[in-house]
PDB file of all heavy atoms in Angstrom:
ATOM      1  N   ASN A   1      75.368 -31.219 -25.496  1.00  0.00           N
ATOM      2  CA  ASN A   1      75.416 -30.362 -24.283  1.00  0.00           C
ATOM      3  C   ASN A   1      76.867 -30.105 -23.871  1.00  0.00           C
ATOM      4  O   ASN A   1      77.669 -30.993 -24.016  1.00  0.00           O
ATOM      5  CB  ASN A   1      74.612 -30.956 -23.095  1.00  0.00           C
ATOM      6  CG  ASN A   1      73.212 -31.427 -23.484  1.00  0.00           C
ATOM      7  OD1 ASN A   1      72.565 -30.753 -24.215  1.00  0.00           O
ATOM      8  ND2 ASN A   1      72.856 -32.654 -23.096  1.00  0.00           N
ATOM      9  N   ILE A   2      77.066 -28.915 -23.357  1.00  0.00           N
ATOM     10  CA  ILE A   2      78.444 -28.596 -22.840  1.00  0.00           C
ATOM     11  C   ILE A   2      78.716 -29.288 -21.653  1.00  0.00           C
ATOM     12  O   ILE A   2      77.898 -29.230 -20.677  1.00  0.00           O
ATOM     13  CB  ILE A   2      78.540 -27.034 -22.718  1.00  0.00           C
ATOM     14  CG1 ILE A   2      78.348 -26.417 -24.190  1.00  0.00           C
ATOM     15  CG2 ILE A   2      79.947 -26.629 -22.126  1.00  0.00           C
ATOM     16  CD1 ILE A   2      78.313 -24.885 -24.120  1.00  0.00           C
ATOM     17  N   VAL A   3      79.970 -29.897 -21.537  1.00  0.00           N
ATOM     18  CA  VAL A   3      80.350 -30.593 -20.313  1.00  0.00           C
ATOM     19  C   VAL A   3      81.621 -30.041 -19.783  1.00  0.00           C
ATOM     20  O   VAL A   3      82.622 -29.859 -20.471  1.00  0.00           O
ATOM     21  CB  VAL A   3      80.589 -32.126 -20.680  1.00  0.00           C
ATOM     22  CG1 VAL A   3      81.032 -32.848 -19.420  1.00  0.00           C
ATOM     23  CG2 VAL A   3      79.286 -32.763 -21.221  1.00  0.00           C
ATOM     24  N   THR A   4      81.638 -29.688 -18.472  1.00  0.00           N
ATOM     25  CA  THR A   4      82.823 -29.216 -17.874  1.00  0.00           C
ATOM     26  C   THR A   4      82.777 -29.716 -16.356  1.00  0.00           C
ATOM     27  O   THR A   4      81.714 -30.330 -15.918  1.00  0.00           O
ATOM     28  CB  THR A   4      82.960 -27.716 -17.715  1.00  0.00           C
ATOM     29  OG1 THR A   4      82.042 -27.187 -16.722  1.00  0.00           O
ATOM     30  CG2 THR A   4      82.866 -27.016 -19.057  1.00  0.00           C
ATOM     31  N   ASP A   5      83.881 -29.640 -15.567  1.00  0.00           N
ATOM     32  CA  ASP A   5      83.877 -29.995 -14.178  1.00  0.00           C
ATOM     33  C   ASP A   5      83.260 -28.967 -13.350  1.00  0.00           C
ATOM     34  O   ASP A   5      83.237 -29.171 -12.107  1.00  0.00           O
ATOM     35  CB  ASP A   5      85.318 -30.327 -13.756  1.00  0.00           C
ATOM     36  CG  ASP A   5      85.898 -31.615 -14.350  1.00  0.00           C
ATOM     37  OD1 ASP A   5      85.125 -32.412 -14.703  1.00  0.00           O
ATOM     38  OD2 ASP A   5      87.078 -31.655 -14.475  1.00  0.00           O
ATOM     39  N   ILE A   6      82.714 -27.938 -13.870  1.00  0.00           N
ATOM     40  CA  ILE A   6      82.104 -26.856 -13.149  1.00  0.00           C
ATOM     41  C   ILE A   6      80.728 -27.116 -12.859  1.00  0.00           C
ATOM     42  O   ILE A   6      79.931 -27.297 -13.839  1.00  0.00           O
ATOM     43  CB  ILE A   6      82.379 -25.429 -13.794  1.00  0.00           C
ATOM     44  CG1 ILE A   6      83.873 -25.227 -13.996  1.00  0.00           C
ATOM     45  CG2 ILE A   6      81.737 -24.327 -13.031  1.00  0.00           C
ATOM     46  CD1 ILE A   6      84.133 -24.249 -15.056  1.00  0.00           C
ATOM     47  N   ALA A   7      80.225 -27.098 -11.525  1.00  0.00           N
ATOM     48  CA  ALA A   7      78.906 -27.263 -11.222  1.00  0.00           C
ATOM     49  C   ALA A   7      78.109 -26.124 -11.813  1.00  0.00           C
ATOM     50  O   ALA A   7      78.494 -24.913 -11.783  1.00  0.00           O
ATOM     51  CB  ALA A   7      78.759 -27.362  -9.752  1.00  0.00           C
ATOM     52  N   GLY A   8      76.902 -26.412 -12.458  1.00  0.00           N
ATOM     53  CA  GLY A   8      76.141 -25.353 -12.909  1.00  0.00           C
ATOM     54  C   GLY A   8      76.450 -25.050 -14.414  1.00  0.00           C
ATOM     55  O   GLY A   8      75.939 -23.993 -14.972  1.00  0.00           O
ATOM     56  N   THR A   9      77.195 -25.893 -15.180  1.00  0.00           N
ATOM     57  CA  THR A   9      77.478 -25.683 -16.553  1.00  0.00           C
ATOM     58  C   THR A   9      76.188 -25.643 -17.360  1.00  0.00           C
ATOM     59  O   THR A   9      75.977 -24.721 -18.154  1.00  0.00           O
ATOM     60  CB  THR A   9      78.376 -26.711 -17.116  1.00  0.00           C
ATOM     61  OG1 THR A   9      79.649 -26.650 -16.407  1.00  0.00           O
ATOM     62  CG2 THR A   9      78.675 -26.485 -18.560  1.00  0.00           C
ATOM     63  N   THR A  10      75.231 -26.637 -17.042  1.00  0.00           N
ATOM     64  CA  THR A  10      74.000 -26.634 -17.783  1.00  0.00           C
ATOM     65  C   THR A  10      72.965 -25.765 -17.003  1.00  0.00           C
ATOM     66  O   THR A  10      72.918 -25.871 -15.743  1.00  0.00           O
ATOM     67  CB  THR A  10      73.384 -28.116 -17.877  1.00  0.00           C
ATOM     68  OG1 THR A  10      74.345 -28.934 -18.422  1.00  0.00           O
ATOM     69  CG2 THR A  10      72.092 -28.164 -18.553  1.00  0.00           C
ATOM     70  N   ARG A  11      72.308 -24.937 -17.756  1.00  0.00           N
ATOM     71  CA  ARG A  11      71.418 -23.960 -17.031  1.00  0.00           C
ATOM     72  C   ARG A  11      69.960 -24.188 -17.551  1.00  0.00           C
ATOM     73  O   ARG A  11      69.136 -24.259 -16.683  1.00  0.00           O
ATOM     74  CB  ARG A  11      71.751 -22.488 -17.471  1.00  0.00           C
ATOM     75  CG  ARG A  11      73.064 -22.028 -16.566  1.00  0.00           C
ATOM     76  CD  ARG A  11      73.547 -20.763 -17.129  1.00  0.00           C
ATOM     77  NE  ARG A  11      74.525 -20.348 -16.035  1.00  0.00           N
ATOM     78  CZ  ARG A  11      75.244 -19.186 -16.279  1.00  0.00           C
ATOM     79  NH1 ARG A  11      75.189 -18.484 -17.487  1.00  0.00           N
ATOM     80  NH2 ARG A  11      76.086 -18.744 -15.379  1.00  0.00           N
ATOM     81  N   ASP A  12      69.755 -24.221 -18.799  1.00  0.00           N
ATOM     82  CA  ASP A  12      68.378 -24.510 -19.275  1.00  0.00           C
ATOM     83  C   ASP A  12      68.134 -26.066 -19.392  1.00  0.00           C
ATOM     84  O   ASP A  12      69.124 -26.848 -19.416  1.00  0.00           O
ATOM     85  CB  ASP A  12      68.048 -23.926 -20.621  1.00  0.00           C
ATOM     86  CG  ASP A  12      67.697 -22.489 -20.538  1.00  0.00           C
ATOM     87  OD1 ASP A  12      66.657 -22.328 -19.840  1.00  0.00           O
ATOM     88  OD2 ASP A  12      68.178 -21.607 -21.290  1.00  0.00           O
ATOM     89  N   ALA A  13      66.826 -26.516 -19.424  1.00  0.00           N
ATOM     90  CA  ALA A  13      66.637 -27.853 -19.597  1.00  0.00           C
ATOM     91  C   ALA A  13      66.619 -28.093 -21.130  1.00  0.00           C
ATOM     92  O   ALA A  13      66.062 -27.416 -21.871  1.00  0.00           O
ATOM     93  CB  ALA A  13      65.216 -28.334 -19.093  1.00  0.00           C
ATOM     94  N   ILE A  14      67.635 -29.094 -21.548  1.00  0.00           N
ATOM     95  CA  ILE A  14      67.873 -29.197 -22.946  1.00  0.00           C
ATOM     96  C   ILE A  14      67.209 -30.636 -23.470  1.00  0.00           C
ATOM     97  O   ILE A  14      67.479 -31.649 -22.938  1.00  0.00           O
ATOM     98  CB  ILE A  14      69.326 -29.367 -23.153  1.00  0.00           C
ATOM     99  CG1 ILE A  14      70.133 -28.231 -22.488  1.00  0.00           C
ATOM    100  CG2 ILE A  14      69.799 -29.329 -24.712  1.00  0.00           C
ATOM    101  CD1 ILE A  14      69.776 -26.837 -23.005  1.00  0.00           C
ATOM    102  N   HIS A  15      66.315 -30.367 -24.514  1.00  0.00           N
ATOM    103  CA  HIS A  15      65.593 -31.493 -25.023  1.00  0.00           C
ATOM    104  C   HIS A  15      66.305 -32.065 -26.246  1.00  0.00           C
ATOM    105  O   HIS A  15      66.817 -31.317 -27.098  1.00  0.00           O
ATOM    106  CB  HIS A  15      64.214 -31.168 -25.467  1.00  0.00           C
ATOM    107  CG  HIS A  15      63.331 -30.721 -24.368  1.00  0.00           C
ATOM    108  ND1 HIS A  15      63.593 -29.617 -23.584  1.00  0.00           N
ATOM    109  CD2 HIS A  15      62.129 -31.188 -23.927  1.00  0.00           C
ATOM    110  CE1 HIS A  15      62.628 -29.416 -22.621  1.00  0.00           C
ATOM    111  NE2 HIS A  15      61.748 -30.451 -22.838  1.00  0.00           N
ATOM    112  N   ALA A  16      66.318 -33.376 -26.465  1.00  0.00           N
ATOM    113  CA  ALA A  16      66.876 -34.012 -27.642  1.00  0.00           C
ATOM    114  C   ALA A  16      66.184 -35.265 -27.974  1.00  0.00           C
ATOM    115  O   ALA A  16      65.720 -36.003 -27.022  1.00  0.00           O
ATOM    116  CB  ALA A  16      68.417 -34.270 -27.490  1.00  0.00           C
ATOM    117  N   ARG A  17      66.009 -35.571 -29.325  1.00  0.00           N
ATOM    118  CA  ARG A  17      65.346 -36.879 -29.702  1.00  0.00           C
ATOM    119  C   ARG A  17      66.336 -37.893 -29.588  1.00  0.00           C
ATOM    120  O   ARG A  17      67.482 -37.782 -29.772  1.00  0.00           O
ATOM    121  CB  ARG A  17      64.912 -36.800 -31.172  1.00  0.00           C
ATOM    122  CG  ARG A  17      63.791 -35.943 -31.392  1.00  0.00           C
ATOM    123  CD  ARG A  17      62.401 -36.600 -30.927  1.00  0.00           C
ATOM    124  NE  ARG A  17      61.305 -35.759 -31.364  1.00  0.00           N
ATOM    125  CZ  ARG A  17      60.640 -35.937 -32.420  1.00  0.00           C
ATOM    126  NH1 ARG A  17      60.902 -36.857 -33.200  1.00  0.00           N
ATOM    127  NH2 ARG A  17      59.546 -35.213 -32.735  1.00  0.00           N
ATOM    128  N   TYR A  18      65.825 -39.186 -29.179  1.00  0.00           N
ATOM    129  CA  TYR A  18      66.662 -40.288 -29.141  1.00  0.00           C
ATOM    130  C   TYR A  18      65.954 -41.584 -29.517  1.00  0.00           C
ATOM    131  O   TYR A  18      64.713 -41.676 -29.239  1.00  0.00           O
ATOM    132  CB  TYR A  18      67.089 -40.487 -27.553  1.00  0.00           C
ATOM    133  CG  TYR A  18      68.038 -41.690 -27.378  1.00  0.00           C
ATOM    134  CD1 TYR A  18      69.225 -41.725 -27.823  1.00  0.00           C
ATOM    135  CD2 TYR A  18      67.491 -42.772 -26.692  1.00  0.00           C
ATOM    136  CE1 TYR A  18      70.031 -42.855 -27.600  1.00  0.00           C
ATOM    137  CE2 TYR A  18      68.335 -43.875 -26.400  1.00  0.00           C
ATOM    138  CZ  TYR A  18      69.576 -43.862 -26.960  1.00  0.00           C
ATOM    139  OH  TYR A  18      70.314 -45.032 -26.728  1.00  0.00           O
ATOM    140  N   ASN A  19      66.472 -42.335 -30.294  1.00  0.00           N
ATOM    141  CA  ASN A  19      65.958 -43.596 -30.854  1.00  0.00           C
ATOM    142  C   ASN A  19      66.739 -44.785 -30.424  1.00  0.00           C
ATOM    143  O   ASN A  19      67.922 -44.878 -30.756  1.00  0.00           O
ATOM    144  CB  ASN A  19      65.839 -43.471 -32.378  1.00  0.00           C
ATOM    145  CG  ASN A  19      64.727 -44.132 -32.939  1.00  0.00           C
ATOM    146  OD1 ASN A  19      64.315 -45.276 -32.587  1.00  0.00           O
ATOM    147  ND2 ASN A  19      63.967 -43.547 -33.824  1.00  0.00           N
ATOM    148  N   ALA A  20      66.041 -45.701 -29.718  1.00  0.00           N
ATOM    149  CA  ALA A  20      66.738 -46.931 -29.323  1.00  0.00           C
ATOM    150  C   ALA A  20      65.708 -48.067 -29.101  1.00  0.00           C
ATOM    151  O   ALA A  20      64.589 -47.822 -28.748  1.00  0.00           O
ATOM    152  CB  ALA A  20      67.490 -46.750 -28.051  1.00  0.00           C
ATOM    153  N   PHE A  21      66.033 -49.320 -29.366  1.00  0.00           N
ATOM    154  CA  PHE A  21      65.237 -50.428 -29.092  1.00  0.00           C
ATOM    155  C   PHE A  21      63.850 -50.279 -29.844  1.00  0.00           C
ATOM    156  O   PHE A  21      62.877 -50.700 -29.282  1.00  0.00           O
ATOM    157  CB  PHE A  21      65.040 -50.758 -27.576  1.00  0.00           C
ATOM    158  CG  PHE A  21      66.293 -50.700 -26.787  1.00  0.00           C
ATOM    159  CD1 PHE A  21      66.588 -49.598 -26.015  1.00  0.00           C
ATOM    160  CD2 PHE A  21      67.076 -51.866 -26.882  1.00  0.00           C
ATOM    161  CE1 PHE A  21      67.835 -49.641 -25.305  1.00  0.00           C
ATOM    162  CE2 PHE A  21      68.246 -51.850 -26.075  1.00  0.00           C
ATOM    163  CZ  PHE A  21      68.698 -50.835 -25.264  1.00  0.00           C
ATOM    164  N   GLY A  22      64.013 -49.680 -31.037  1.00  0.00           N
ATOM    165  CA  GLY A  22      62.808 -49.499 -31.867  1.00  0.00           C
ATOM    166  C   GLY A  22      61.808 -48.523 -31.343  1.00  0.00           C
ATOM    167  O   GLY A  22      60.664 -48.479 -31.862  1.00  0.00           O
ATOM    168  N   LYS A  23      62.250 -47.619 -30.363  1.00  0.00           N
ATOM    169  CA  LYS A  23      61.350 -46.613 -29.887  1.00  0.00           C
ATOM    170  C   LYS A  23      61.944 -45.259 -29.841  1.00  0.00           C
ATOM    171  O   LYS A  23      63.180 -45.153 -29.744  1.00  0.00           O
ATOM    172  CB  LYS A  23      60.951 -46.967 -28.467  1.00  0.00           C
ATOM    173  CG  LYS A  23      60.071 -48.120 -28.344  1.00  0.00           C
ATOM    174  CD  LYS A  23      59.588 -48.292 -26.859  1.00  0.00           C
ATOM    175  CE  LYS A  23      58.747 -49.518 -26.735  1.00  0.00           C
ATOM    176  NZ  LYS A  23      58.367 -49.776 -25.294  1.00  0.00           N
ATOM    177  N   GLU A  24      61.100 -44.277 -29.967  1.00  0.00           N
ATOM    178  CA  GLU A  24      61.714 -42.919 -29.965  1.00  0.00           C
ATOM    179  C   GLU A  24      61.258 -42.236 -28.722  1.00  0.00           C
ATOM    180  O   GLU A  24      60.227 -42.418 -28.159  1.00  0.00           O
ATOM    181  CB  GLU A  24      61.093 -42.120 -31.148  1.00  0.00           C
ATOM    182  CG  GLU A  24      61.769 -40.783 -31.425  1.00  0.00           C
ATOM    183  CD  GLU A  24      61.461 -40.103 -32.778  1.00  0.00           C
ATOM    184  OE1 GLU A  24      60.161 -40.289 -33.204  1.00  0.00           O
ATOM    185  OE2 GLU A  24      62.271 -39.446 -33.421  1.00  0.00           O
ATOM    186  N   PHE A  25      62.229 -41.606 -28.079  1.00  0.00           N
ATOM    187  CA  PHE A  25      62.036 -40.854 -26.862  1.00  0.00           C
ATOM    188  C   PHE A  25      62.653 -39.456 -26.924  1.00  0.00           C
ATOM    189  O   PHE A  25      63.348 -39.162 -27.813  1.00  0.00           O
ATOM    190  CB  PHE A  25      62.865 -41.519 -25.737  1.00  0.00           C
ATOM    191  CG  PHE A  25      62.022 -42.660 -25.029  1.00  0.00           C
ATOM    192  CD1 PHE A  25      61.905 -43.861 -25.756  1.00  0.00           C
ATOM    193  CD2 PHE A  25      61.561 -42.549 -23.735  1.00  0.00           C
ATOM    194  CE1 PHE A  25      61.149 -44.946 -25.196  1.00  0.00           C
ATOM    195  CE2 PHE A  25      60.802 -43.525 -23.158  1.00  0.00           C
ATOM    196  CZ  PHE A  25      60.651 -44.733 -23.909  1.00  0.00           C
ATOM    197  N   ILE A  26      62.224 -38.680 -26.002  1.00  0.00           N
ATOM    198  CA  ILE A  26      62.835 -37.252 -25.775  1.00  0.00           C
ATOM    199  C   ILE A  26      63.590 -37.358 -24.541  1.00  0.00           C
ATOM    200  O   ILE A  26      63.120 -37.641 -23.491  1.00  0.00           O
ATOM    201  CB  ILE A  26      61.799 -36.152 -25.869  1.00  0.00           C
ATOM    202  CG1 ILE A  26      61.233 -35.960 -27.181  1.00  0.00           C
ATOM    203  CG2 ILE A  26      62.483 -34.803 -25.373  1.00  0.00           C
ATOM    204  CD1 ILE A  26      59.962 -35.215 -27.176  1.00  0.00           C
ATOM    205  N   ILE A  27      64.983 -37.069 -24.577  1.00  0.00           N
ATOM    206  CA  ILE A  27      65.747 -37.152 -23.476  1.00  0.00           C
ATOM    207  C   ILE A  27      65.966 -35.583 -23.042  1.00  0.00           C
ATOM    208  O   ILE A  27      66.189 -34.776 -24.003  1.00  0.00           O
ATOM    209  CB  ILE A  27      67.213 -37.636 -23.809  1.00  0.00           C
ATOM    210  CG1 ILE A  27      67.072 -39.168 -24.073  1.00  0.00           C
ATOM    211  CG2 ILE A  27      68.174 -37.419 -22.674  1.00  0.00           C
ATOM    212  CD1 ILE A  27      67.100 -40.033 -23.015  1.00  0.00           C
ATOM    213  N   VAL A  28      65.792 -35.320 -21.737  1.00  0.00           N
ATOM    214  CA  VAL A  28      65.895 -33.992 -21.285  1.00  0.00           C
ATOM    215  C   VAL A  28      67.083 -33.853 -20.331  1.00  0.00           C
ATOM    216  O   VAL A  28      66.978 -34.424 -19.205  1.00  0.00           O
ATOM    217  CB  VAL A  28      64.558 -33.507 -20.661  1.00  0.00           C
ATOM    218  CG1 VAL A  28      64.670 -32.029 -20.286  1.00  0.00           C
ATOM    219  CG2 VAL A  28      63.472 -33.744 -21.531  1.00  0.00           C
ATOM    220  N   ASP A  29      68.083 -33.138 -20.645  1.00  0.00           N
ATOM    221  CA  ASP A  29      69.201 -32.957 -19.757  1.00  0.00           C
ATOM    222  C   ASP A  29      68.825 -31.740 -18.893  1.00  0.00           C
ATOM    223  O   ASP A  29      68.229 -30.716 -19.532  1.00  0.00           O
ATOM    224  CB  ASP A  29      70.489 -32.648 -20.553  1.00  0.00           C
ATOM    225  CG  ASP A  29      71.665 -32.415 -19.518  1.00  0.00           C
ATOM    226  OD1 ASP A  29      71.683 -32.872 -18.438  1.00  0.00           O
ATOM    227  OD2 ASP A  29      72.626 -31.806 -19.982  1.00  0.00           O
ATOM    228  N   THR A  30      69.046 -31.715 -17.637  1.00  0.00           N
ATOM    229  CA  THR A  30      68.722 -30.587 -16.766  1.00  0.00           C
ATOM    230  C   THR A  30      69.708 -30.049 -16.001  1.00  0.00           C
ATOM    231  O   THR A  30      70.856 -30.724 -15.733  1.00  0.00           O
ATOM    232  CB  THR A  30      67.566 -31.082 -15.806  1.00  0.00           C
ATOM    233  OG1 THR A  30      68.138 -32.079 -14.894  1.00  0.00           O
ATOM    234  CG2 THR A  30      66.316 -31.673 -16.464  1.00  0.00           C
ATOM    235  N   ALA A  31      69.536 -28.862 -15.465  1.00  0.00           N
ATOM    236  CA  ALA A  31      70.565 -28.309 -14.561  1.00  0.00           C
ATOM    237  C   ALA A  31      70.614 -29.019 -13.233  1.00  0.00           C
ATOM    238  O   ALA A  31      69.511 -29.582 -12.831  1.00  0.00           O
ATOM    239  CB  ALA A  31      70.185 -26.734 -14.261  1.00  0.00           C
ATOM    240  N   GLY A  32      71.734 -29.006 -12.548  1.00  0.00           N
ATOM    241  CA  GLY A  32      71.831 -29.750 -11.278  1.00  0.00           C
ATOM    242  C   GLY A  32      70.939 -29.097 -10.173  1.00  0.00           C
ATOM    243  O   GLY A  32      70.866 -27.766 -10.085  1.00  0.00           O
ATOM    244  N   LEU A  33      70.237 -29.958  -9.491  1.00  0.00           N
ATOM    245  CA  LEU A  33      69.347 -29.517  -8.460  1.00  0.00           C
ATOM    246  C   LEU A  33      70.082 -29.487  -7.047  1.00  0.00           C
ATOM    247  O   LEU A  33      70.435 -30.531  -6.567  1.00  0.00           O
ATOM    248  CB  LEU A  33      68.066 -30.356  -8.282  1.00  0.00           C
ATOM    249  CG  LEU A  33      67.068 -30.123  -9.439  1.00  0.00           C
ATOM    250  CD1 LEU A  33      66.111 -31.359  -9.489  1.00  0.00           C
ATOM    251  CD2 LEU A  33      66.321 -28.852  -9.293  1.00  0.00           C
ATOM    252  N   ARG A  34      70.225 -28.340  -6.468  1.00  0.00           N
ATOM    253  CA  ARG A  34      70.865 -28.197  -5.111  1.00  0.00           C
ATOM    254  C   ARG A  34      69.878 -27.648  -4.063  1.00  0.00           C
ATOM    255  O   ARG A  34      68.935 -27.031  -4.515  1.00  0.00           O
ATOM    256  CB  ARG A  34      72.190 -27.555  -5.215  1.00  0.00           C
ATOM    257  CG  ARG A  34      72.113 -26.162  -5.568  1.00  0.00           C
ATOM    258  CD  ARG A  34      73.441 -25.488  -5.391  1.00  0.00           C
ATOM    259  NE  ARG A  34      74.155 -25.466  -6.728  1.00  0.00           N
ATOM    260  CZ  ARG A  34      75.514 -25.318  -6.810  1.00  0.00           C
ATOM    261  NH1 ARG A  34      76.225 -25.264  -5.611  1.00  0.00           N
ATOM    262  NH2 ARG A  34      76.114 -25.293  -8.015  1.00  0.00           N
ATOM    263  N   ARG A  35      70.196 -27.718  -2.822  1.00  0.00           N
ATOM    264  CA  ARG A  35      69.283 -27.141  -1.713  1.00  0.00           C
ATOM    265  C   ARG A  35      69.075 -25.698  -2.011  1.00  0.00           C
ATOM    266  O   ARG A  35      69.984 -24.951  -2.507  1.00  0.00           O
ATOM    267  CB  ARG A  35      69.919 -27.330  -0.497  1.00  0.00           C
ATOM    268  CG  ARG A  35      69.966 -28.814   0.047  1.00  0.00           C
ATOM    269  CD  ARG A  35      70.004 -28.836   1.526  1.00  0.00           C
ATOM    270  NE  ARG A  35      71.001 -27.980   2.151  1.00  0.00           N
ATOM    271  CZ  ARG A  35      72.361 -28.373   2.288  1.00  0.00           C
ATOM    272  NH1 ARG A  35      72.802 -29.554   1.862  1.00  0.00           N
ATOM    273  NH2 ARG A  35      73.238 -27.510   2.833  1.00  0.00           N
ATOM    274  N   LYS A  36      67.910 -25.187  -1.627  1.00  0.00           N
ATOM    275  CA  LYS A  36      67.489 -23.757  -1.751  1.00  0.00           C
ATOM    276  C   LYS A  36      68.593 -22.896  -1.207  1.00  0.00           C
ATOM    277  O   LYS A  36      68.978 -21.801  -1.779  1.00  0.00           O
ATOM    278  CB  LYS A  36      66.196 -23.491  -1.100  1.00  0.00           C
ATOM    279  CG  LYS A  36      65.017 -23.820  -1.946  1.00  0.00           C
ATOM    280  CD  LYS A  36      63.708 -23.304  -1.219  1.00  0.00           C
ATOM    281  CE  LYS A  36      62.415 -23.940  -1.895  1.00  0.00           C
ATOM    282  NZ  LYS A  36      61.351 -23.826  -1.074  1.00  0.00           N
ATOM    283  N   SER A  37      69.099 -23.191  -0.023  1.00  0.00           N
ATOM    284  CA  SER A  37      70.094 -22.381   0.695  1.00  0.00           C
ATOM    285  C   SER A  37      71.398 -22.250  -0.228  1.00  0.00           C
ATOM    286  O   SER A  37      72.095 -21.330   0.042  1.00  0.00           O
ATOM    287  CB  SER A  37      70.470 -22.964   2.055  1.00  0.00           C
ATOM    288  OG  SER A  37      70.990 -24.259   1.875  1.00  0.00           O
ATOM    289  N   LYS A  38      71.645 -23.132  -1.035  1.00  0.00           N
ATOM    290  CA  LYS A  38      72.900 -23.118  -1.870  1.00  0.00           C
ATOM    291  C   LYS A  38      72.650 -22.464  -3.153  1.00  0.00           C
ATOM    292  O   LYS A  38      73.730 -22.137  -3.878  1.00  0.00           O
ATOM    293  CB  LYS A  38      73.372 -24.511  -2.251  1.00  0.00           C
ATOM    294  CG  LYS A  38      73.524 -25.374  -0.922  1.00  0.00           C
ATOM    295  CD  LYS A  38      75.017 -25.184  -0.403  1.00  0.00           C
ATOM    296  CE  LYS A  38      75.296 -26.268   0.700  1.00  0.00           C
ATOM    297  NZ  LYS A  38      76.461 -25.980   1.313  1.00  0.00           N
ATOM    298  N   VAL A  39      71.383 -22.132  -3.597  1.00  0.00           N
ATOM    299  CA  VAL A  39      71.175 -21.374  -4.783  1.00  0.00           C
ATOM    300  C   VAL A  39      71.524 -19.845  -4.516  1.00  0.00           C
ATOM    301  O   VAL A  39      70.774 -19.192  -3.897  1.00  0.00           O
ATOM    302  CB  VAL A  39      69.672 -21.608  -5.252  1.00  0.00           C
ATOM    303  CG1 VAL A  39      69.332 -20.801  -6.486  1.00  0.00           C
ATOM    304  CG2 VAL A  39      69.479 -23.157  -5.464  1.00  0.00           C
ATOM    305  N   SER A  40      72.560 -19.440  -5.280  1.00  0.00           N
ATOM    306  CA  SER A  40      73.106 -18.107  -4.827  1.00  0.00           C
ATOM    307  C   SER A  40      72.768 -17.083  -5.872  1.00  0.00           C
ATOM    308  O   SER A  40      72.853 -15.858  -5.495  1.00  0.00           O
ATOM    309  CB  SER A  40      74.610 -18.193  -4.671  1.00  0.00           C
ATOM    310  OG  SER A  40      75.094 -18.798  -5.932  1.00  0.00           O
ATOM    311  N   GLU A  41      72.340 -17.224  -7.067  1.00  0.00           N
ATOM    312  CA  GLU A  41      72.033 -16.191  -7.996  1.00  0.00           C
ATOM    313  C   GLU A  41      70.798 -16.522  -8.643  1.00  0.00           C
ATOM    314  O   GLU A  41      70.262 -17.585  -8.784  1.00  0.00           O
ATOM    315  CB  GLU A  41      73.317 -16.100  -9.018  1.00  0.00           C
ATOM    316  CG  GLU A  41      73.569 -17.500  -9.730  1.00  0.00           C
ATOM    317  CD  GLU A  41      74.541 -17.417 -10.754  1.00  0.00           C
ATOM    318  OE1 GLU A  41      74.521 -16.389 -11.512  1.00  0.00           O
ATOM    319  OE2 GLU A  41      75.426 -18.246 -10.904  1.00  0.00           O
TER     320      GLU A  41
END
């Protein structure tokens, strides 16, 4: 996933497979959740 210091860099929820401790998981990175009043576009 793209990483910057700018809030809102991630937009879609991004799924990726992850394997650890003998188990497989799907890790989902998400866009930052802010208050409704702050959602401008």
